[in-house]
Amino acid sequence: IPFEKRGMVVGLLEVAWAASMLIGIPLIGYAIEKWGWRSPFIILG
């Protein structure tokens, strides 16, 4: 990616970081409440 567009592309790529808290962690909370604290390890694996 050219340097002039690097901030834009890295910013879009980093959506994975925000999504981990915005989407992933609430789903982990649901999984723990439904199946127990071990479930995130197995699902994510």
PDB file of all heavy atoms in Angstrom:
ATOM      1  N   ILE A   1       0.845  -1.200   0.000  1.00  0.00           N
ATOM      2  CA  ILE A   1       0.000   0.000   0.000  1.00  0.00           C
ATOM      3  C   ILE A   1       0.879   1.248   0.000  1.00  0.00           C
ATOM      4  O   ILE A   1       1.792   1.373   0.824  1.00  0.00           O
ATOM      5  CB  ILE A   1      -0.924   0.012   1.233  1.00  0.00           C
ATOM      6  CG1 ILE A   1      -1.817  -1.234   1.254  1.00  0.00           C
ATOM      7  CG2 ILE A   1      -1.782   1.275   1.251  1.00  0.00           C
ATOM      8  CD1 ILE A   1      -2.744  -1.370   0.070  1.00  0.00           C
ATOM      9  N   PRO A   2       0.636   2.224  -0.906  1.00  0.00           N
ATOM     10  CA  PRO A   2       1.413   3.469  -0.925  1.00  0.00           C
ATOM     11  C   PRO A   2       1.285   4.224   0.401  1.00  0.00           C
ATOM     12  O   PRO A   2       0.234   4.178   1.055  1.00  0.00           O
ATOM     13  CB  PRO A   2       0.777   4.267  -2.073  1.00  0.00           C
ATOM     14  CG  PRO A   2       0.078   3.257  -2.914  1.00  0.00           C
ATOM     15  CD  PRO A   2      -0.366   2.180  -1.993  1.00  0.00           C
ATOM     16  N   PHE A   3       2.342   4.943   0.793  1.00  0.00           N
ATOM     17  CA  PHE A   3       2.357   5.653   2.070  1.00  0.00           C
ATOM     18  C   PHE A   3       1.214   6.657   2.182  1.00  0.00           C
ATOM     19  O   PHE A   3       0.657   6.875   3.252  1.00  0.00           O
ATOM     20  CB  PHE A   3       3.704   6.369   2.252  1.00  0.00           C
ATOM     21  CG  PHE A   3       3.830   7.085   3.563  1.00  0.00           C
ATOM     22  CD1 PHE A   3       3.929   6.373   4.749  1.00  0.00           C
ATOM     23  CD2 PHE A   3       3.838   8.471   3.608  1.00  0.00           C
ATOM     24  CE1 PHE A   3       4.052   7.033   5.974  1.00  0.00           C
ATOM     25  CE2 PHE A   3       3.956   9.138   4.823  1.00  0.00           C
ATOM     26  CZ  PHE A   3       4.064   8.417   6.002  1.00  0.00           C
ATOM     27  N   GLU A   4       0.848   7.283   1.060  1.00  0.00           N
ATOM     28  CA  GLU A   4      -0.201   8.294   1.074  1.00  0.00           C
ATOM     29  C   GLU A   4      -1.561   7.732   1.461  1.00  0.00           C
ATOM     30  O   GLU A   4      -2.460   8.466   1.862  1.00  0.00           O
ATOM     31  CB  GLU A   4      -0.300   8.963  -0.308  1.00  0.00           C
ATOM     32  CG  GLU A   4       0.897   9.816  -0.676  1.00  0.00           C
ATOM     33  CD  GLU A   4       2.128   8.970  -1.044  1.00  0.00           C
ATOM     34  OE1 GLU A   4       1.938   7.757  -1.367  1.00  0.00           O
ATOM     35  OE2 GLU A   4       3.252   9.492  -0.985  1.00  0.00           O
ATOM     36  N   LYS A   5      -1.732   6.413   1.338  1.00  0.00           N
ATOM     37  CA  LYS A   5      -2.995   5.764   1.706  1.00  0.00           C
ATOM     38  C   LYS A   5      -2.827   4.823   2.901  1.00  0.00           C
ATOM     39  O   LYS A   5      -3.761   4.115   3.261  1.00  0.00           O
ATOM     40  CB  LYS A   5      -3.547   4.975   0.516  1.00  0.00           C
ATOM     41  CG  LYS A   5      -3.874   5.832  -0.698  1.00  0.00           C
ATOM     42  CD  LYS A   5      -4.421   4.976  -1.830  1.00  0.00           C
ATOM     43  CE  LYS A   5      -4.765   5.825  -3.053  1.00  0.00           C
ATOM     44  NZ  LYS A   5      -5.280   5.012  -4.187  1.00  0.00           N
ATOM     45  N   ARG A   6      -1.665   4.858   3.508  1.00  0.00           N
ATOM     46  CA  ARG A   6      -1.348   3.896   4.553  1.00  0.00           C
ATOM     47  C   ARG A   6      -2.248   4.067   5.777  1.00  0.00           C
ATOM     48  O   ARG A   6      -2.725   3.101   6.366  1.00  0.00           O
ATOM     49  CB  ARG A   6       0.114   4.048   4.949  1.00  0.00           C
ATOM     50  CG  ARG A   6       0.760   2.862   5.636  1.00  0.00           C
ATOM     51  CD  ARG A   6       1.170   1.759   4.687  1.00  0.00           C
ATOM     52  NE  ARG A   6       1.963   2.163   3.568  1.00  0.00           N
ATOM     53  CZ  ARG A   6       3.285   2.405   3.585  1.00  0.00           C
ATOM     54  NH1 ARG A   6       3.949   2.305   4.708  1.00  0.00           N
ATOM     55  NH2 ARG A   6       3.924   2.719   2.474  1.00  0.00           N
ATOM     56  N   GLY A   7      -2.477   5.329   6.178  1.00  0.00           N
ATOM     57  CA  GLY A   7      -3.333   5.565   7.337  1.00  0.00           C
ATOM     58  C   GLY A   7      -4.731   5.038   7.128  1.00  0.00           C
ATOM     59  O   GLY A   7      -5.329   4.445   8.028  1.00  0.00           O
ATOM     60  N   MET A   8      -5.270   5.239   5.932  1.00  0.00           N
ATOM     61  CA  MET A   8      -6.621   4.771   5.636  1.00  0.00           C
ATOM     62  C   MET A   8      -6.694   3.245   5.691  1.00  0.00           C
ATOM     63  O   MET A   8      -7.587   2.674   6.326  1.00  0.00           O
ATOM     64  CB  MET A   8      -7.055   5.248   4.248  1.00  0.00           C
ATOM     65  CG  MET A   8      -8.443   4.776   3.845  1.00  0.00           C
ATOM     66  SD  MET A   8      -8.842   5.167   2.126  1.00  0.00           S
ATOM     67  CE  MET A   8      -7.721   4.065   1.246  1.00  0.00           C
ATOM     68  N   VAL A   9      -5.748   2.570   5.047  1.00  0.00           N
ATOM     69  CA  VAL A   9      -5.789   1.102   4.976  1.00  0.00           C
ATOM     70  C   VAL A   9      -5.534   0.473   6.344  1.00  0.00           C
ATOM     71  O   VAL A   9      -6.239  -0.463   6.754  1.00  0.00           O
ATOM     72  CB  VAL A   9      -4.777   0.579   3.931  1.00  0.00           C
ATOM     73  CG1 VAL A   9      -4.691  -0.938   3.977  1.00  0.00           C
ATOM     74  CG2 VAL A   9      -5.188   1.049   2.535  1.00  0.00           C
ATOM     75  N   VAL A  10      -4.538   0.992   7.065  1.00  0.00           N
ATOM     76  CA  VAL A  10      -4.275   0.457   8.398  1.00  0.00           C
ATOM     77  C   VAL A  10      -5.469   0.700   9.311  1.00  0.00           C
ATOM     78  O   VAL A  10      -5.847  -0.162  10.118  1.00  0.00           O
ATOM     79  CB  VAL A  10      -2.990   1.063   8.989  1.00  0.00           C
ATOM     80  CG1 VAL A  10      -2.825   0.660  10.449  1.00  0.00           C
ATOM     81  CG2 VAL A  10      -1.775   0.611   8.182  1.00  0.00           C
ATOM     82  N   GLY A  11      -6.102   1.872   9.185  1.00  0.00           N
ATOM     83  CA  GLY A  11      -7.290   2.148   9.976  1.00  0.00           C
ATOM     84  C   GLY A  11      -8.404   1.160   9.696  1.00  0.00           C
ATOM     85  O   GLY A  11      -9.075   0.681  10.612  1.00  0.00           O
ATOM     86  N   LEU A  12      -8.616   0.835   8.419  1.00  0.00           N
ATOM     87  CA  LEU A  12      -9.650  -0.142   8.069  1.00  0.00           C
ATOM     88  C   LEU A  12      -9.276  -1.537   8.553  1.00  0.00           C
ATOM     89  O   LEU A  12     -10.127  -2.304   9.026  1.00  0.00           O
ATOM     90  CB  LEU A  12      -9.870  -0.138   6.552  1.00  0.00           C
ATOM     91  CG  LEU A  12     -10.472   1.144   5.962  1.00  0.00           C
ATOM     92  CD1 LEU A  12     -10.495   1.070   4.444  1.00  0.00           C
ATOM     93  CD2 LEU A  12     -11.882   1.373   6.505  1.00  0.00           C
ATOM     94  N   LEU A  13      -7.999  -1.880   8.428  1.00  0.00           N
ATOM     95  CA  LEU A  13      -7.548  -3.188   8.878  1.00  0.00           C
ATOM     96  C   LEU A  13      -7.724  -3.346  10.382  1.00  0.00           C
ATOM     97  O   LEU A  13      -8.048  -4.437  10.877  1.00  0.00           O
ATOM     98  CB  LEU A  13      -6.076  -3.374   8.493  1.00  0.00           C
ATOM     99  CG  LEU A  13      -5.474  -4.762   8.669  1.00  0.00           C
ATOM    100  CD1 LEU A  13      -6.123  -5.753   7.721  1.00  0.00           C
ATOM    101  CD2 LEU A  13      -3.968  -4.710   8.414  1.00  0.00           C
ATOM    102  N   GLU A  14      -7.533  -2.259  11.114  1.00  0.00           N
ATOM    103  CA  GLU A  14      -7.644  -2.313  12.563  1.00  0.00           C
ATOM    104  C   GLU A  14      -9.082  -2.427  13.051  1.00  0.00           C
ATOM    105  O   GLU A  14      -9.324  -2.525  14.260  1.00  0.00           O
ATOM    106  CB  GLU A  14      -6.986  -1.080  13.184  1.00  0.00           C
ATOM    107  CG  GLU A  14      -5.476  -1.092  13.114  1.00  0.00           C
ATOM    108  CD  GLU A  14      -4.866  -2.214  13.941  1.00  0.00           C
ATOM    109  OE1 GLU A  14      -5.317  -2.436  15.072  1.00  0.00           O
ATOM    110  OE2 GLU A  14      -3.944  -2.875  13.450  1.00  0.00           O
ATOM    111  N   VAL A  15     -10.048  -2.413  12.131  1.00  0.00           N
ATOM    112  CA  VAL A  15     -11.435  -2.670  12.524  1.00  0.00           C
ATOM    113  C   VAL A  15     -11.534  -4.020  13.237  1.00  0.00           C
ATOM    114  O   VAL A  15     -12.393  -4.229  14.108  1.00  0.00           O
ATOM    115  CB  VAL A  15     -12.366  -2.621  11.292  1.00  0.00           C
ATOM    116  CG1 VAL A  15     -13.738  -3.195  11.593  1.00  0.00           C
ATOM    117  CG2 VAL A  15     -12.509  -1.170  10.821  1.00  0.00           C
ATOM    118  N   ALA A  16     -10.637  -4.947  12.892  1.00  0.00           N
ATOM    119  CA  ALA A  16     -10.622  -6.249  13.563  1.00  0.00           C
ATOM    120  C   ALA A  16     -10.377  -6.098  15.058  1.00  0.00           C
ATOM    121  O   ALA A  16     -10.859  -6.918  15.857  1.00  0.00           O
ATOM    122  CB  ALA A  16      -9.544  -7.138  12.935  1.00  0.00           C
ATOM    123  N   TRP A  17      -9.630  -5.089  15.456  1.00  0.00           N
ATOM    124  CA  TRP A  17      -9.363  -4.847  16.876  1.00  0.00           C
ATOM    125  C   TRP A  17     -10.634  -4.349  17.564  1.00  0.00           C
ATOM    126  O   TRP A  17     -11.012  -4.842  18.630  1.00  0.00           O
ATOM    127  CB  TRP A  17      -8.230  -3.844  17.010  1.00  0.00           C
ATOM    128  CG  TRP A  17      -7.812  -3.536  18.400  1.00  0.00           C
ATOM    129  CD1 TRP A  17      -8.078  -2.405  19.102  1.00  0.00           C
ATOM    130  CD2 TRP A  17      -7.021  -4.354  19.285  1.00  0.00           C
ATOM    131  NE1 TRP A  17      -7.521  -2.464  20.357  1.00  0.00           N
ATOM    132  CE2 TRP A  17      -6.871  -3.643  20.492  1.00  0.00           C
ATOM    133  CE3 TRP A  17      -6.440  -5.612  19.159  1.00  0.00           C
ATOM    134  CZ2 TRP A  17      -6.152  -4.149  21.572  1.00  0.00           C
ATOM    135  CZ3 TRP A  17      -5.724  -6.116  20.233  1.00  0.00           C
ATOM    136  CH2 TRP A  17      -5.579  -5.399  21.421  1.00  0.00           C
ATOM    137  N   ALA A  18     -11.304  -3.369  16.961  1.00  0.00           N
ATOM    138  CA  ALA A  18     -12.540  -2.858  17.551  1.00  0.00           C
ATOM    139  C   ALA A  18     -13.625  -3.917  17.562  1.00  0.00           C
ATOM    140  O   ALA A  18     -14.358  -4.067  18.542  1.00  0.00           O
ATOM    141  CB  ALA A  18     -13.011  -1.630  16.773  1.00  0.00           C
ATOM    142  N   ALA A  19     -13.731  -4.670  16.466  1.00  0.00           N
ATOM    143  CA  ALA A  19     -14.773  -5.692  16.383  1.00  0.00           C
ATOM    144  C   ALA A  19     -14.602  -6.771  17.438  1.00  0.00           C
ATOM    145  O   ALA A  19     -15.582  -7.388  17.873  1.00  0.00           O
ATOM    146  CB  ALA A  19     -14.769  -6.319  14.987  1.00  0.00           C
ATOM    147  N   SER A  20     -13.365  -6.993  17.874  1.00  0.00           N
ATOM    148  CA  SER A  20     -13.148  -8.003  18.906  1.00  0.00           C
ATOM    149  C   SER A  20     -13.862  -7.628  20.200  1.00  0.00           C
ATOM    150  O   SER A  20     -14.334  -8.505  20.930  1.00  0.00           O
ATOM    151  CB  SER A  20     -11.648  -8.193  19.150  1.00  0.00           C
ATOM    152  OG  SER A  20     -11.066  -7.052  19.758  1.00  0.00           O
ATOM    153  N   MET A  21     -13.948  -6.328  20.492  1.00  0.00           N
ATOM    154  CA  MET A  21     -14.665  -5.884  21.684  1.00  0.00           C
ATOM    155  C   MET A  21     -16.129  -5.606  21.390  1.00  0.00           C
ATOM    156  O   MET A  21     -16.998  -5.891  22.213  1.00  0.00           O
ATOM    157  CB  MET A  21     -14.006  -4.610  22.240  1.00  0.00           C
ATOM    158  CG  MET A  21     -12.638  -4.819  22.827  1.00  0.00           C
ATOM    159  SD  MET A  21     -12.591  -5.953  24.237  1.00  0.00           S
ATOM    160  CE  MET A  21     -13.136  -4.886  25.553  1.00  0.00           C
ATOM    161  N   LEU A  22     -16.423  -5.059  20.226  1.00  0.00           N
ATOM    162  CA  LEU A  22     -17.791  -4.669  19.897  1.00  0.00           C
ATOM    163  C   LEU A  22     -18.672  -5.883  19.615  1.00  0.00           C
ATOM    164  O   LEU A  22     -19.857  -5.915  19.986  1.00  0.00           O
ATOM    165  CB  LEU A  22     -17.774  -3.742  18.683  1.00  0.00           C
ATOM    166  CG  LEU A  22     -19.102  -3.110  18.267  1.00  0.00           C
ATOM    167  CD1 LEU A  22     -19.657  -2.239  19.381  1.00  0.00           C
ATOM    168  CD2 LEU A  22     -18.908  -2.285  16.995  1.00  0.00           C
ATOM    169  N   ILE A  23     -18.096  -6.897  18.975  1.00  0.00           N
ATOM    170  CA  ILE A  23     -18.857  -8.091  18.597  1.00  0.00           C
ATOM    171  C   ILE A  23     -18.364  -9.322  19.354  1.00  0.00           C
ATOM    172  O   ILE A  23     -19.154 -10.073  19.941  1.00  0.00           O
ATOM    173  CB  ILE A  23     -18.741  -8.334  17.076  1.00  0.00           C
ATOM    174  CG1 ILE A  23     -19.298  -7.137  16.306  1.00  0.00           C
ATOM    175  CG2 ILE A  23     -19.460  -9.619  16.680  1.00  0.00           C
ATOM    176  CD1 ILE A  23     -19.048  -7.204  14.815  1.00  0.00           C
ATOM    177  N   GLY A  24     -17.057  -9.544  19.340  1.00  0.00           N
ATOM    178  CA  GLY A  24     -16.504 -10.781  19.888  1.00  0.00           C
ATOM    179  C   GLY A  24     -16.721 -10.946  21.381  1.00  0.00           C
ATOM    180  O   GLY A  24     -17.181 -12.008  21.839  1.00  0.00           O
ATOM    181  N   ILE A  25     -16.414  -9.913  22.183  1.00  0.00           N
ATOM    182  CA  ILE A  25     -16.509 -10.046  23.634  1.00  0.00           C
ATOM    183  C   ILE A  25     -17.949 -10.229  24.112  1.00  0.00           C
ATOM    184  O   ILE A  25     -18.209 -11.078  24.981  1.00  0.00           O
ATOM    185  CB  ILE A  25     -15.818  -8.864  24.338  1.00  0.00           C
ATOM    186  CG1 ILE A  25     -14.331  -8.801  23.958  1.00  0.00           C
ATOM    187  CG2 ILE A  25     -15.974  -8.976  25.848  1.00  0.00           C
ATOM    188  CD1 ILE A  25     -13.546 -10.047  24.283  1.00  0.00           C
ATOM    189  N   PRO A  26     -18.938  -9.487  23.588  1.00  0.00           N
ATOM    190  CA  PRO A  26     -20.329  -9.797  23.977  1.00  0.00           C
ATOM    191  C   PRO A  26     -20.735 -11.230  23.635  1.00  0.00           C
ATOM    192  O   PRO A  26     -21.446 -11.872  24.411  1.00  0.00           O
ATOM    193  CB  PRO A  26     -21.145  -8.776  23.176  1.00  0.00           C
ATOM    194  CG  PRO A  26     -20.229  -7.625  22.994  1.00  0.00           C
ATOM    195  CD  PRO A  26     -18.872  -8.234  22.809  1.00  0.00           C
ATOM    196  N   LEU A  27     -20.270 -11.752  22.497  1.00  0.00           N
ATOM    197  CA  LEU A  27     -20.575 -13.146  22.158  1.00  0.00           C
ATOM    198  C   LEU A  27     -19.874 -14.115  23.109  1.00  0.00           C
ATOM    199  O   LEU A  27     -20.432 -15.159  23.466  1.00  0.00           O
ATOM    200  CB  LEU A  27     -20.154 -13.431  20.708  1.00  0.00           C
ATOM    201  CG  LEU A  27     -21.005 -12.763  19.620  1.00  0.00           C
ATOM    202  CD1 LEU A  27     -20.431 -13.048  18.240  1.00  0.00           C
ATOM    203  CD2 LEU A  27     -22.462 -13.237  19.705  1.00  0.00           C
ATOM    204  N   ILE A  28     -18.668 -13.760  23.524  1.00  0.00           N
ATOM    205  CA  ILE A  28     -17.970 -14.578  24.513  1.00  0.00           C
ATOM    206  C   ILE A  28     -18.744 -14.581  25.833  1.00  0.00           C
ATOM    207  O   ILE A  28     -18.885 -15.617  26.500  1.00  0.00           O
ATOM    208  CB  ILE A  28     -16.540 -14.061  24.731  1.00  0.00           C
ATOM    209  CG1 ILE A  28     -15.683 -14.293  23.481  1.00  0.00           C
ATOM    210  CG2 ILE A  28     -15.895 -14.710  25.946  1.00  0.00           C
ATOM    211  CD1 ILE A  28     -15.453 -15.744  23.150  1.00  0.00           C
ATOM    212  N   GLY A  29     -19.263 -13.417  26.224  1.00  0.00           N
ATOM    213  CA  GLY A  29     -20.074 -13.347  27.435  1.00  0.00           C
ATOM    214  C   GLY A  29     -21.299 -14.246  27.355  1.00  0.00           C
ATOM    215  O   GLY A  29     -21.645 -14.938  28.323  1.00  0.00           O
ATOM    216  N   TYR A  30     -21.952 -14.244  26.192  1.00  0.00           N
ATOM    217  CA  TYR A  30     -23.108 -15.120  25.993  1.00  0.00           C
ATOM    218  C   TYR A  30     -22.697 -16.593  26.078  1.00  0.00           C
ATOM    219  O   TYR A  30     -23.382 -17.410  26.715  1.00  0.00           O
ATOM    220  CB  TYR A  30     -23.738 -14.828  24.639  1.00  0.00           C
ATOM    221  CG  TYR A  30     -24.871 -15.776  24.275  1.00  0.00           C
ATOM    222  CD1 TYR A  30     -26.144 -15.585  24.786  1.00  0.00           C
ATOM    223  CD2 TYR A  30     -24.640 -16.873  23.438  1.00  0.00           C
ATOM    224  CE1 TYR A  30     -27.184 -16.453  24.463  1.00  0.00           C
ATOM    225  CE2 TYR A  30     -25.660 -17.749  23.109  1.00  0.00           C
ATOM    226  CZ  TYR A  30     -26.928 -17.532  23.623  1.00  0.00           C
ATOM    227  OH  TYR A  30     -27.944 -18.399  23.311  1.00  0.00           O
ATOM    228  N   ALA A  31     -21.574 -16.929  25.440  1.00  0.00           N
ATOM    229  CA  ALA A  31     -21.106 -18.321  25.445  1.00  0.00           C
ATOM    230  C   ALA A  31     -20.767 -18.788  26.861  1.00  0.00           C
ATOM    231  O   ALA A  31     -21.087 -19.921  27.255  1.00  0.00           O
ATOM    232  CB  ALA A  31     -19.889 -18.464  24.534  1.00  0.00           C
ATOM    233  N   ILE A  32     -20.121 -17.915  27.643  1.00  0.00           N
ATOM    234  CA  ILE A  32     -19.776 -18.283  29.013  1.00  0.00           C
ATOM    235  C   ILE A  32     -21.033 -18.515  29.839  1.00  0.00           C
ATOM    236  O   ILE A  32     -21.135 -19.481  30.610  1.00  0.00           O
ATOM    237  CB  ILE A  32     -18.885 -17.201  29.660  1.00  0.00           C
ATOM    238  CG1 ILE A  32     -17.500 -17.175  29.002  1.00  0.00           C
ATOM    239  CG2 ILE A  32     -18.741 -17.443  31.163  1.00  0.00           C
ATOM    240  CD1 ILE A  32     -16.608 -16.056  29.498  1.00  0.00           C
ATOM    241  N   GLU A  33     -22.010 -17.624  29.691  1.00  0.00           N
ATOM    242  CA  GLU A  33     -23.245 -17.764  30.458  1.00  0.00           C
ATOM    243  C   GLU A  33     -24.025 -19.004  30.041  1.00  0.00           C
ATOM    244  O   GLU A  33     -24.678 -19.646  30.860  1.00  0.00           O
ATOM    245  CB  GLU A  33     -24.101 -16.512  30.267  1.00  0.00           C
ATOM    246  CG  GLU A  33     -25.179 -16.333  31.319  1.00  0.00           C
ATOM    247  CD  GLU A  33     -25.724 -14.915  31.319  1.00  0.00           C
ATOM    248  OE1 GLU A  33     -26.210 -14.466  30.267  1.00  0.00           O
ATOM    249  OE2 GLU A  33     -25.681 -14.273  32.382  1.00  0.00           O
ATOM    250  N   LYS A  34     -23.928 -19.379  28.753  1.00  0.00           N
ATOM    251  CA  LYS A  34     -24.688 -20.517  28.229  1.00  0.00           C
ATOM    252  C   LYS A  34     -23.971 -21.842  28.472  1.00  0.00           C
ATOM    253  O   LYS A  34     -24.596 -22.845  28.868  1.00  0.00           O
ATOM    254  CB  LYS A  34     -24.896 -20.307  26.727  1.00  0.00           C
ATOM    255  CG  LYS A  34     -25.829 -21.298  26.063  1.00  0.00           C
ATOM    256  CD  LYS A  34     -27.271 -20.888  26.203  1.00  0.00           C
ATOM    257  CE  LYS A  34     -28.165 -21.775  25.350  1.00  0.00           C
ATOM    258  NZ  LYS A  34     -29.597 -21.469  25.583  1.00  0.00           N
ATOM    259  N   TRP A  35     -22.671 -21.888  28.225  1.00  0.00           N
ATOM    260  CA  TRP A  35     -21.941 -23.160  28.233  1.00  0.00           C
ATOM    261  C   TRP A  35     -20.781 -23.229  29.217  1.00  0.00           C
ATOM    262  O   TRP A  35     -20.090 -24.239  29.280  1.00  0.00           O
ATOM    263  CB  TRP A  35     -21.429 -23.469  26.820  1.00  0.00           C
ATOM    264  CG  TRP A  35     -22.529 -23.593  25.816  1.00  0.00           C
ATOM    265  CD1 TRP A  35     -23.556 -24.490  25.822  1.00  0.00           C
ATOM    266  CD2 TRP A  35     -22.718 -22.772  24.660  1.00  0.00           C
ATOM    267  NE1 TRP A  35     -24.386 -24.285  24.745  1.00  0.00           N
ATOM    268  CE2 TRP A  35     -23.889 -23.238  23.990  1.00  0.00           C
ATOM    269  CE3 TRP A  35     -22.026 -21.698  24.111  1.00  0.00           C
ATOM    270  CZ2 TRP A  35     -24.380 -22.653  22.828  1.00  0.00           C
ATOM    271  CZ3 TRP A  35     -22.509 -21.113  22.950  1.00  0.00           C
ATOM    272  CH2 TRP A  35     -23.672 -21.599  22.324  1.00  0.00           C
ATOM    273  N   GLY A  36     -20.510 -22.160  29.932  1.00  0.00           N
ATOM    274  CA  GLY A  36     -19.443 -22.189  30.919  1.00  0.00           C
ATOM    275  C   GLY A  36     -18.176 -21.490  30.450  1.00  0.00           C
ATOM    276  O   GLY A  36     -18.017 -21.162  29.269  1.00  0.00           O
ATOM    277  N   TRP A  37     -17.252 -21.294  31.386  1.00  0.00           N
ATOM    278  CA  TRP A  37     -16.069 -20.477  31.107  1.00  0.00           C
ATOM    279  C   TRP A  37     -15.098 -21.141  30.144  1.00  0.00           C
ATOM    280  O   TRP A  37     -14.238 -20.475  29.550  1.00  0.00           O
ATOM    281  CB  TRP A  37     -15.350 -20.148  32.418  1.00  0.00           C
ATOM    282  CG  TRP A  37     -14.727 -21.328  33.102  1.00  0.00           C
ATOM    283  CD1 TRP A  37     -15.299 -22.132  34.032  1.00  0.00           C
ATOM    284  CD2 TRP A  37     -13.401 -21.838  32.892  1.00  0.00           C
ATOM    285  NE1 TRP A  37     -14.428 -23.116  34.430  1.00  0.00           N
ATOM    286  CE2 TRP A  37     -13.250 -22.959  33.751  1.00  0.00           C
ATOM    287  CE3 TRP A  37     -12.333 -21.465  32.079  1.00  0.00           C
ATOM    288  CZ2 TRP A  37     -12.077 -23.700  33.803  1.00  0.00           C
ATOM    289  CZ3 TRP A  37     -11.166 -22.211  32.133  1.00  0.00           C
ATOM    290  CH2 TRP A  37     -11.043 -23.310  32.990  1.00  0.00           C
ATOM    291  N   ARG A  38     -15.201 -22.465  29.932  1.00  0.00           N
ATOM    292  CA  ARG A  38     -14.290 -23.158  29.017  1.00  0.00           C
ATOM    293  C   ARG A  38     -14.682 -22.982  27.551  1.00  0.00           C
ATOM    294  O   ARG A  38     -13.860 -23.198  26.652  1.00  0.00           O
ATOM    295  CB  ARG A  38     -14.268 -24.646  29.365  1.00  0.00           C
ATOM    296  CG  ARG A  38     -13.720 -24.953  30.738  1.00  0.00           C
ATOM    297  CD  ARG A  38     -14.070 -26.366  31.207  1.00  0.00           C
ATOM    298  NE  ARG A  38     -13.567 -27.375  30.287  1.00  0.00           N
ATOM    299  CZ  ARG A  38     -13.815 -28.671  30.410  1.00  0.00           C
ATOM    300  NH1 ARG A  38     -14.577 -29.112  31.410  1.00  0.00           N
ATOM    301  NH2 ARG A  38     -13.323 -29.543  29.541  1.00  0.00           N
ATOM    302  N   SER A  39     -15.935 -22.636  27.303  1.00  0.00           N
ATOM    303  CA  SER A  39     -16.443 -22.617  25.927  1.00  0.00           C
ATOM    304  C   SER A  39     -15.684 -21.671  24.994  1.00  0.00           C
ATOM    305  O   SER A  39     -15.477 -22.013  23.818  1.00  0.00           O
ATOM    306  CB  SER A  39     -17.937 -22.285  25.916  1.00  0.00           C
ATOM    307  OG  SER A  39     -18.184 -21.032  26.522  1.00  0.00           O
ATOM    308  N   PRO A  40     -15.253 -20.468  25.423  1.00  0.00           N
ATOM    309  CA  PRO A  40     -14.525 -19.598  24.484  1.00  0.00           C
ATOM    310  C   PRO A  40     -13.263 -20.229  23.928  1.00  0.00           C
ATOM    311  O   PRO A  40     -12.925 -20.037  22.749  1.00  0.00           O
ATOM    312  CB  PRO A  40     -14.196 -18.365  25.333  1.00  0.00           C
ATOM    313  CG  PRO A  40     -15.190 -18.371  26.422  1.00  0.00           C
ATOM    314  CD  PRO A  40     -15.473 -19.807  26.719  1.00  0.00           C
ATOM    315  N   PHE A  41     -12.549 -20.989  24.756  1.00  0.00           N
ATOM    316  CA  PHE A  41     -11.315 -21.621  24.300  1.00  0.00           C
ATOM    317  C   PHE A  41     -11.593 -22.610  23.158  1.00  0.00           C
ATOM    318  O   PHE A  41     -10.887 -22.623  22.141  1.00  0.00           O
ATOM    319  CB  PHE A  41     -10.646 -22.360  25.469  1.00  0.00           C
ATOM    320  CG  PHE A  41     -10.087 -21.471  26.532  1.00  0.00           C
ATOM    321  CD1 PHE A  41     -10.871 -21.078  27.612  1.00  0.00           C
ATOM    322  CD2 PHE A  41      -8.780 -21.003  26.459  1.00  0.00           C
ATOM    323  CE1 PHE A  41     -10.357 -20.256  28.599  1.00  0.00           C
ATOM    324  CE2 PHE A  41      -8.259 -20.183  27.442  1.00  0.00           C
ATOM    325  CZ  PHE A  41      -9.060 -19.800  28.513  1.00  0.00           C
ATOM    326  N   ILE A  42     -12.638 -23.413  23.316  1.00  0.00           N
ATOM    327  CA  ILE A  42     -12.936 -24.436  22.310  1.00  0.00           C
ATOM    328  C   ILE A  42     -13.480 -23.807  21.028  1.00  0.00           C
ATOM    329  O   ILE A  42     -13.056 -24.157  19.915  1.00  0.00           O
ATOM    330  CB  ILE A  42     -13.941 -25.454  22.888  1.00  0.00           C
ATOM    331  CG1 ILE A  42     -13.298 -26.178  24.083  1.00  0.00           C
ATOM    332  CG2 ILE A  42     -14.375 -26.455  21.824  1.00  0.00           C
ATOM    333  CD1 ILE A  42     -14.237 -27.068  24.859  1.00  0.00           C
ATOM    334  N   ILE A  43     -14.401 -22.854  21.162  1.00  0.00           N
ATOM    335  CA  ILE A  43     -14.991 -22.203  19.981  1.00  0.00           C
ATOM    336  C   ILE A  43     -13.919 -21.466  19.179  1.00  0.00           C
ATOM    337  O   ILE A  43     -13.814 -21.608  17.954  1.00  0.00           O
ATOM    338  CB  ILE A  43     -16.116 -21.242  20.402  1.00  0.00           C
ATOM    339  CG1 ILE A  43     -17.287 -22.025  20.996  1.00  0.00           C
ATOM    340  CG2 ILE A  43     -16.581 -20.401  19.215  1.00  0.00           C
ATOM    341  CD1 ILE A  43     -18.320 -21.149  21.675  1.00  0.00           C
ATOM    342  N   LEU A  44     -13.119 -20.667  19.861  1.00  0.00           N
ATOM    343  CA  LEU A  44     -12.089 -19.888  19.166  1.00  0.00           C
ATOM    344  C   LEU A  44     -11.013 -20.790  18.569  1.00  0.00           C
ATOM    345  O   LEU A  44     -10.485 -20.503  17.490  1.00  0.00           O
ATOM    346  CB  LEU A  44     -11.458 -18.883  20.129  1.00  0.00           C
ATOM    347  CG  LEU A  44     -12.362 -17.710  20.541  1.00  0.00           C
ATOM    348  CD1 LEU A  44     -11.758 -16.954  21.715  1.00  0.00           C
ATOM    349  CD2 LEU A  44     -12.598 -16.776  19.362  1.00  0.00           C
ATOM    350  N   GLY A  45     -10.690 -21.889  19.254  1.00  0.00           N
ATOM    351  CA  GLY A  45      -9.701 -22.822  18.708  1.00  0.00           C
ATOM    352  C   GLY A  45     -10.145 -23.398  17.376  1.00  0.00           C
ATOM    353  O   GLY A  45      -9.355 -23.494  16.426  1.00  0.00           O
TER     354      GLY A  45
END
